[in-house]
C-alpha atoms as a PDB file:
ATOM      1  CA  MET A   1      -4.658  10.214 -15.181  1.00  0.00           C
ATOM      2  CA  SER A   2      -1.944  12.608 -16.563  1.00  0.00           C
ATOM      3  CA  ARG A   3       1.659  11.582 -15.535  1.00  0.00           C
ATOM      4  CA  LYS A   4       1.980  15.735 -15.588  1.00  0.00           C
ATOM      5  CA  LEU A   5      -0.381  15.960 -12.590  1.00  0.00           C
ATOM      6  CA  ILE A   6       1.703  13.612 -10.482  1.00  0.00           C
ATOM      7  CA  LYS A   7       4.632  11.604 -10.643  1.00  0.00           C
ATOM      8  CA  VAL A   8       3.924   7.992 -11.509  1.00  0.00           C
ATOM      9  CA  PRO A   9       7.531   5.821 -10.669  1.00  0.00           C
ATOM     10  CA  ALA A  10       8.282   2.866 -12.676  1.00  0.00           C
ATOM     11  CA  LYS A  11       8.105   0.612  -9.572  1.00  0.00           C
ATOM     12  CA  VAL A  12       6.094   1.133  -6.312  1.00  0.00           C
ATOM     13  CA  ALA A  13       6.334  -1.046  -2.995  1.00  0.00           C
ATOM     14  CA  ILE A  14       2.638  -0.757  -1.662  1.00  0.00           C
ATOM     15  CA  ASP A  15       1.844  -0.236   1.962  1.00  0.00           C
ATOM     16  CA  THR A  16      -0.935  -1.827   3.789  1.00  0.00           C
ATOM     17  CA  GLY A  17      -3.505   1.133   3.136  1.00  0.00           C
ATOM     18  CA  PRO A  18      -3.192   1.532  -0.353  1.00  0.00           C
ATOM     19  CA  LEU A  19      -3.577  -2.010  -1.056  1.00  0.00           C
ATOM     20  CA  LEU A  20      -6.326  -2.491   1.139  1.00  0.00           C
ATOM     21  CA  LEU A  21      -8.160   0.548  -0.874  1.00  0.00           C
ATOM     22  CA  PHE A  22      -7.676  -1.312  -3.981  1.00  0.00           C
ATOM     23  CA  LEU A  23      -8.538  -4.817  -2.910  1.00  0.00           C
ATOM     24  CA  ALA A  24     -11.637  -3.412  -1.389  1.00  0.00           C
ATOM     25  CA  GLY A  25     -12.142  -1.139  -4.847  1.00  0.00           C
ATOM     26  CA  ASN A  26     -11.306  -4.036  -7.247  1.00  0.00           C
ATOM     27  CA  TYR A  27     -14.103  -6.466  -5.437  1.00  0.00           C
ATOM     28  CA  ASP A  28     -16.920  -3.855  -5.808  1.00  0.00           C
ATOM     29  CA  PRO A  29     -15.891   0.313  -5.452  1.00  0.00           C
ATOM     30  CA  ARG A  30     -18.971   0.594  -3.529  1.00  0.00           C
ATOM     31  CA  TYR A  31     -17.667  -1.771  -0.998  1.00  0.00           C
ATOM     32  CA  ILE A  32     -15.002   0.446   0.113  1.00  0.00           C
ATOM     33  CA  SER A  33     -17.146   2.280   2.630  1.00  0.00           C
ATOM     34  CA  LYS A  34     -17.198  -0.847   4.826  1.00  0.00           C
ATOM     35  CA  ILE A  35     -13.482  -0.979   5.260  1.00  0.00           C
ATOM     36  CA  LYS A  36     -13.127   1.474   8.369  1.00  0.00           C
ATOM     37  CA  ARG A  37      -9.843   2.083   7.932  1.00  0.00           C
ATOM     38  CA  ILE A  38      -9.944   3.369   4.452  1.00  0.00           C
ATOM     39  CA  LYS A  39      -9.665   6.828   4.538  1.00  0.00           C
ATOM     40  CA  TYR A  40      -8.687  10.490   2.723  1.00  0.00           C
ATOM     41  CA  ASP A  41      -7.885  13.100   5.201  1.00  0.00           C
ATOM     42  CA  GLY A  42     -10.318  11.470   7.797  1.00  0.00           C
ATOM     43  CA  ILE A  43     -13.306  11.008   5.297  1.00  0.00           C
ATOM     44  CA  ALA A  44     -14.152   7.729   4.369  1.00  0.00           C
ATOM     45  CA  CYS A  45     -12.889   6.871   0.640  1.00  0.00           C
ATOM     46  CA  ASN A  46     -14.873   6.167  -2.353  1.00  0.00           C
ATOM     47  CA  GLU A  47     -14.957   5.078  -5.873  1.00  0.00           C
ATOM     48  CA  ILE A  48     -13.473   7.819  -6.989  1.00  0.00           C
ATOM     49  CA  HIS A  49     -10.422   7.585  -4.622  1.00  0.00           C
ATOM     50  CA  TYR A  50     -10.405   3.844  -6.183  1.00  0.00           C
ATOM     51  CA  ASP A  51     -10.393   4.968  -9.691  1.00  0.00           C
ATOM     52  CA  ILE A  52      -7.608   7.294  -9.334  1.00  0.00           C
ATOM     53  CA  LEU A  53      -5.285   4.780  -7.347  1.00  0.00           C
ATOM     54  CA  SER A  54      -6.272   2.418 -10.292  1.00  0.00           C
ATOM     55  CA  GLN A  55      -5.310   4.353 -12.501  1.00  0.00           C
ATOM     56  CA  TYR A  56      -1.851   5.546 -10.907  1.00  0.00           C
ATOM     57  CA  LEU A  57      -1.164   1.619 -10.174  1.00  0.00           C
ATOM     58  CA  SER A  58      -1.514   0.800 -13.735  1.00  0.00           C
ATOM     59  CA  LYS A  59       0.521   3.068 -14.867  1.00  0.00           C
ATOM     60  CA  THR A  60       3.537   1.776 -12.936  1.00  0.00           C
ATOM     61  CA  LYS A  61       5.422  -1.224 -14.481  1.00  0.00           C
ATOM     62  CA  GLU A  62       6.333  -3.222 -11.546  1.00  0.00           C
ATOM     63  CA  ARG A  63       4.235  -3.155  -8.179  1.00  0.00           C
ATOM     64  CA  LEU A  64       5.873  -4.754  -5.096  1.00  0.00           C
ATOM     65  CA  ILE A  65       4.554  -6.133  -1.542  1.00  0.00           C
ATOM     66  CA  THR A  66       6.129  -7.958   1.266  1.00  0.00           C
ATOM     67  CA  PRO A  67       4.547 -10.552   2.952  1.00  0.00           C
ATOM     68  CA  GLY A  68       3.974  -8.834   6.091  1.00  0.00           C
ATOM     69  CA  ILE A  69       1.969  -6.258   4.275  1.00  0.00           C
ATOM     70  CA  LEU A  70      -0.003  -9.045   2.543  1.00  0.00           C
ATOM     71  CA  SER A  71      -0.876 -10.677   5.955  1.00  0.00           C
ATOM     72  CA  GLU A  72      -1.664  -7.107   7.348  1.00  0.00           C
ATOM     73  CA  VAL A  73      -4.288  -6.118   5.147  1.00  0.00           C
ATOM     74  CA  TRP A  74      -6.098  -9.678   4.889  1.00  0.00           C
ATOM     75  CA  ASN A  75      -6.047  -9.230   9.080  1.00  0.00           C
ATOM     76  CA  LEU A  76      -7.844  -5.817   8.100  1.00  0.00           C
ATOM     77  CA  ILE A  77      -9.920  -7.186   5.820  1.00  0.00           C
ATOM     78  CA  ASP A  78     -11.116 -10.299   8.261  1.00  0.00           C
ATOM     79  CA  ASN A  79     -11.857  -7.334  11.022  1.00  0.00           C
ATOM     80  CA  ASP A  80     -13.839  -5.301   9.346  1.00  0.00           C
ATOM     81  CA  ILE A  81     -15.947  -8.180   7.054  1.00  0.00           C
ATOM     82  CA  CYS A  82     -17.910 -10.756   9.463  1.00  0.00           C
ATOM     83  CA  ASN A  83     -19.587 -12.519   6.404  1.00  0.00           C
ATOM     84  CA  LYS A  84     -17.492 -15.643   5.096  1.00  0.00           C
ATOM     85  CA  THR A  85     -19.319 -15.577   1.413  1.00  0.00           C
ATOM     86  CA  GLU A  86     -18.115 -11.532   0.927  1.00  0.00           C
ATOM     87  CA  LYS A  87     -14.431 -12.234   2.351  1.00  0.00           C
ATOM     88  CA  ASN A  88     -13.956 -15.417  -0.336  1.00  0.00           C
ATOM     89  CA  GLU A  89     -15.444 -12.697  -2.799  1.00  0.00           C
ATOM     90  CA  ILE A  90     -12.857 -10.263  -2.220  1.00  0.00           C
ATOM     91  CA  PHE A  91     -10.075 -13.083  -2.359  1.00  0.00           C
ATOM     92  CA  LYS A  92     -11.663 -14.531  -5.609  1.00  0.00           C
ATOM     93  CA  SER A  93     -12.044 -11.140  -7.205  1.00  0.00           C
ATOM     94  CA  ASN A  94      -8.096 -10.110  -6.356  1.00  0.00           C
ATOM     95  CA  ILE A  95      -6.528 -13.255  -7.119  1.00  0.00           C
ATOM     96  CA  ASN A  96      -5.613 -12.487 -10.413  1.00  0.00           C
ATOM     97  CA  TYR A  97      -3.984  -9.070  -8.849  1.00  0.00           C
ATOM     98  CA  PHE A  98      -2.421 -11.102  -6.335  1.00  0.00           C
ATOM     99  CA  ARG A  99      -0.448 -12.871  -9.250  1.00  0.00           C
ATOM    100  CA  LEU A 100       0.839  -9.561 -10.602  1.00  0.00           C
ATOM    101  CA  ILE A 101       1.984  -8.113  -7.665  1.00  0.00           C
ATOM    102  CA  ASN A 102       5.706  -9.056  -7.225  1.00  0.00           C
ATOM    103  CA  GLU A 103       6.590 -10.267  -3.387  1.00  0.00           C
ATOM    104  CA  VAL A 104       9.842  -9.326  -1.852  1.00  0.00           C
ATOM    105  CA  TYR A 105      11.157 -11.195   1.077  1.00  0.00           C
ATOM    106  CA  VAL A 106      13.245  -9.002   3.422  1.00  0.00           C
ATOM    107  CA  SER A 107      14.667 -11.180   6.082  1.00  0.00           C
ATOM    108  CA  LYS A 108      14.535  -9.718   9.759  1.00  0.00           C
ATOM    109  CA  ASN A 109      18.485 -10.680   9.518  1.00  0.00           C
ATOM    110  CA  ASP A 110      18.743  -8.360   7.040  1.00  0.00           C
ATOM    111  CA  ILE A 111      16.359  -5.627   8.831  1.00  0.00           C
ATOM    112  CA  LEU A 112      18.418  -6.005  12.111  1.00  0.00           C
ATOM    113  CA  SER A 113      21.516  -5.266  10.005  1.00  0.00           C
ATOM    114  CA  ASP A 114      20.562  -2.471   8.222  1.00  0.00           C
ATOM    115  CA  LYS A 115      21.925   0.862   9.794  1.00  0.00           C
ATOM    116  CA  TYR A 116      18.874   2.512  10.499  1.00  0.00           C
ATOM    117  CA  PHE A 117      16.336  -0.117  11.480  1.00  0.00           C
ATOM    118  CA  GLU A 118      19.057  -2.304  13.751  1.00  0.00           C
ATOM    119  CA  SER A 119      18.026   0.138  16.715  1.00  0.00           C
ATOM    120  CA  ASN A 120      15.316   1.701  15.093  1.00  0.00           C
ATOM    121  CA  ALA A 121      12.949  -1.157  14.255  1.00  0.00           C
ATOM    122  CA  TRP A 122      10.823  -1.287  16.851  1.00  0.00           C
ATOM    123  CA  LYS A 123       9.509   2.465  16.043  1.00  0.00           C
ATOM    124  CA  PHE A 124       7.922   0.882  13.085  1.00  0.00           C
ATOM    125  CA  GLY A 125       7.689  -2.558  13.380  1.00  0.00           C
ATOM    126  CA  PHE A 126       9.464  -5.553  11.389  1.00  0.00           C
ATOM    127  CA  SER A 127       6.338  -4.955   8.421  1.00  0.00           C
ATOM    128  CA  ASP A 128       7.313  -1.672   7.631  1.00  0.00           C
ATOM    129  CA  ALA A 129      10.929  -1.666   7.980  1.00  0.00           C
ATOM    130  CA  SER A 130      10.792  -4.508   5.658  1.00  0.00           C
ATOM    131  CA  LEU A 131       8.525  -2.320   3.318  1.00  0.00           C
ATOM    132  CA  VAL A 132      11.049   0.544   3.446  1.00  0.00           C
ATOM    133  CA  LEU A 133      14.084  -1.765   2.647  1.00  0.00           C
ATOM    134  CA  CYS A 134      11.962  -3.569  -0.283  1.00  0.00           C
ATOM    135  CA  ALA A 135      11.662  -0.099  -1.645  1.00  0.00           C
ATOM    136  CA  LYS A 136      15.063   0.998  -0.918  1.00  0.00           C
ATOM    137  CA  ASN A 137      16.951  -2.795  -2.365  1.00  0.00           C
ATOM    138  CA  ASN A 138      14.606  -2.456  -5.522  1.00  0.00           C
ATOM    139  CA  ASN A 139      14.866   1.257  -6.312  1.00  0.00           C
ATOM    140  CA  ALA A 140      10.915   1.369  -5.680  1.00  0.00           C
ATOM    141  CA  CYS A 141       8.648   4.476  -4.652  1.00  0.00           C
ATOM    142  CA  LEU A 142       7.071   3.687  -1.251  1.00  0.00           C
ATOM    143  CA  LEU A 143       3.448   4.516  -1.615  1.00  0.00           C
ATOM    144  CA  THR A 144       2.132   4.874   1.966  1.00  0.00           C
ATOM    145  CA  ASN A 145      -0.900   6.289   3.901  1.00  0.00           C
ATOM    146  CA  ASP A 146       1.193   6.258   7.086  1.00  0.00           C
ATOM    147  CA  TYR A 147       2.641   9.537   7.677  1.00  0.00           C
ATOM    148  CA  PRO A 148       5.543   8.298  10.425  1.00  0.00           C
ATOM    149  CA  LEU A 149       6.825   5.882   7.380  1.00  0.00           C
ATOM    150  CA  PHE A 150       6.192   8.336   4.752  1.00  0.00           C
ATOM    151  CA  ASN A 151       8.478  10.809   7.322  1.00  0.00           C
ATOM    152  CA  ILE A 152      11.160   7.992   7.631  1.00  0.00           C
ATOM    153  CA  CYS A 153      11.683   7.229   4.055  1.00  0.00           C
ATOM    154  CA  LYS A 154      12.197  11.122   3.422  1.00  0.00           C
ATOM    155  CA  HIS A 155      14.803  10.766   6.039  1.00  0.00           C
ATOM    156  CA  LEU A 156      16.573   7.989   4.952  1.00  0.00           C
ATOM    157  CA  LYS A 157      15.983   9.823   0.979  1.00  0.00           C
ATOM    158  CA  ILE A 158      14.125   6.647  -0.197  1.00  0.00           C
ATOM    159  CA  ASP A 159      11.176   7.980  -3.138  1.00  0.00           C
ATOM    160  CA  SER A 160       7.669   7.900  -1.253  1.00  0.00           C
ATOM    161  CA  SER A 161       4.567   9.020  -1.754  1.00  0.00           C
ATOM    162  CA  HIS A 162       1.673   9.499   0.790  1.00  0.00           C
ATOM    163  CA  LEU A 163      -1.642   8.094  -0.505  1.00  0.00           C
ATOM    164  CA  ASN A 164      -3.119  11.723   0.180  1.00  0.00           C
ATOM    165  CA  THR A 165      -1.152  13.387  -2.547  1.00  0.00           C
ATOM    166  CA  ILE A 166      -2.426  11.163  -5.028  1.00  0.00           C
ATOM    167  CA  LEU A 167      -5.917  10.862  -3.904  1.00  0.00           C
ATOM    168  CA  ALA A 168      -6.120  14.795  -3.940  1.00  0.00           C
ATOM    169  CA  LEU A 169      -6.654  14.356  -7.665  1.00  0.00           C
ATOM    170  CA  ALA A 170     -10.193  13.789  -6.777  1.00  0.00           C
ATOM    171  CA  ASP A 171     -10.676  17.257  -5.332  1.00  0.00           C
ATOM    172  CA  LEU A 172      -9.213  18.753  -8.664  1.00  0.00           C
END
């Protein structure tokens, strides 16, 4: 992936959708289609999308998540995958990546005392609000496939990238 094609930030805060795509693909790129919520422009993602995301994330110096995002990702995997052996394999194949990602805790009090989120957290929920504040407080770019979350970052002047922008490199 050429840095000239897309801006790769030094730090990225990863939302549920991109993390889900990465974890499924890291386990087995052919497995991505089993995860129902991984889509690019309404169509199921594939191995090429995983490869592009993997290259993008590998070029960042630091990857951040919040505990809520990790919980959301695992709940979605748990909902889509019934086989306990497969869930165990997905977990084991990603354990080293889990260790590389920095987890940032943003307390509910920080969310409720934030000028914007004290009256708007209900619109996005605590997981998304904590991720926005994680990105803001760590000068990170928030990577999401959630348009409302992407738009609120733009409104708050927080660096953000929509996953579709990155995955569009597959169309070149």
